[in-house]
Amino acid sequence: DGLDMVRLKDIDDYATSPSFSEDERAGIAYAAAMTTDPHTVTADQVADLRRRFGDKGVMELTYQIGVENMRARMNSALGITEQGF
């Protein structure tokens, strides 16, 4: 189905946008914390994610956020720019 452009445009306002569910908001907030400063992730935040997604879901979410952060840093270091997607 591809990207939902409305949701993509609303991503910066995810906390208040009706385009996102409470589960999605929790996941995006976690991704933002991990990306900006992983030391800001709290035990309460992880506990909330575990209630929402289970241990396996939190592990998968954390892994994917880490992979995307690694890719972004590698691309930046190598001068790889957006490809127009």
Protein backbone atom coordinates (compact mmCIF):
# COMPACT_ATOMS: atom_id res chain seq x y z
CA ASP A 1 0.00 0.00 0.00
CA GLY A 2 2.99 2.31 0.36
CA LEU A 3 3.43 5.31 2.59
CA ASP A 4 0.44 7.20 3.90
CA MET A 5 1.44 10.76 3.02
CA VAL A 6 -1.00 12.35 5.49
CA ARG A 7 0.52 10.37 8.35
CA LEU A 8 4.01 11.13 7.11
CA LYS A 9 3.24 14.86 7.06
CA ASP A 10 1.84 14.61 10.60
CA ILE A 11 4.84 12.74 12.05
CA ASP A 12 6.30 15.81 13.77
CA ASP A 13 2.96 16.29 15.54
CA TYR A 14 2.50 12.60 16.36
CA ALA A 15 1.71 13.33 20.01
CA THR A 16 -1.46 15.24 19.13
CA SER A 17 -2.30 14.17 15.58
CA PRO A 18 -5.43 12.03 15.21
CA SER A 19 -3.53 10.14 12.50
CA PHE A 20 -1.75 8.04 15.14
CA SER A 21 -3.03 5.57 17.72
CA GLU A 22 -1.87 5.59 21.34
CA ASP A 23 0.31 2.54 20.62
CA GLU A 24 1.90 4.30 17.66
CA ARG A 25 2.50 7.42 19.74
CA ALA A 26 4.25 5.34 22.40
CA GLY A 27 6.45 3.68 19.77
CA ILE A 28 7.32 6.96 18.07
CA ALA A 29 8.17 8.61 21.40
CA TYR A 30 10.46 5.67 22.19
CA ALA A 31 12.13 5.95 18.78
CA ALA A 32 12.61 9.69 19.29
CA ALA A 33 14.18 9.15 22.71
CA MET A 34 16.48 6.38 21.44
CA THR A 35 17.51 8.52 18.48
CA THR A 36 18.02 11.81 20.29
CA ASP A 37 19.57 10.56 23.54
CA PRO A 38 19.11 6.92 24.55
CA HIS A 39 19.84 7.87 28.16
CA THR A 40 16.44 9.59 28.25
CA VAL A 41 14.56 6.29 27.81
CA THR A 42 12.97 5.54 31.18
CA ALA A 43 12.08 2.29 32.91
CA ASP A 44 8.45 3.47 32.98
CA GLN A 45 8.52 4.02 29.23
CA VAL A 46 9.87 0.52 28.59
CA ALA A 47 7.33 -0.98 31.02
CA ASP A 48 4.54 0.79 29.14
CA LEU A 49 5.85 -0.56 25.83
CA ARG A 50 5.99 -4.08 27.30
CA ARG A 51 2.34 -3.80 28.33
CA ARG A 52 1.44 -2.66 24.83
CA PHE A 53 3.64 -4.93 22.70
CA GLY A 54 5.05 -7.66 24.95
CA ASP A 55 8.72 -8.45 25.51
CA LYS A 56 9.23 -9.72 21.96
CA GLY A 57 7.58 -6.63 20.49
CA VAL A 58 9.79 -4.30 22.52
CA MET A 59 12.88 -6.24 21.46
CA GLU A 60 11.88 -6.04 17.79
CA LEU A 61 11.04 -2.34 18.06
CA THR A 62 14.33 -1.57 19.83
CA TYR A 63 16.33 -3.58 17.31
CA GLN A 64 14.69 -1.88 14.32
CA ILE A 65 15.20 1.60 15.77
CA GLY A 66 18.86 0.74 16.39
CA VAL A 67 19.32 -0.57 12.84
CA GLU A 68 17.77 2.55 11.30
CA ASN A 69 19.92 4.79 13.48
CA MET A 70 23.02 2.85 12.42
CA ARG A 71 22.08 3.15 8.75
CA ALA A 72 21.49 6.88 9.07
CA ARG A 73 24.87 7.39 10.72
CA MET A 74 26.68 5.27 8.14
CA ASN A 75 24.99 7.09 5.27
CA SER A 76 25.89 10.44 6.79
CA ALA A 77 29.52 9.45 7.36
CA LEU A 78 29.81 8.18 3.79
CA GLY A 79 28.08 11.20 2.27
CA ILE A 80 25.18 9.14 0.96
CA THR A 81 22.21 11.43 0.40
CA GLU A 82 18.49 10.92 -0.11
CA GLN A 83 17.60 9.00 -3.23
CA GLY A 84 14.24 10.68 -3.81
CA PHE A 85 11.95 8.08 -2.27
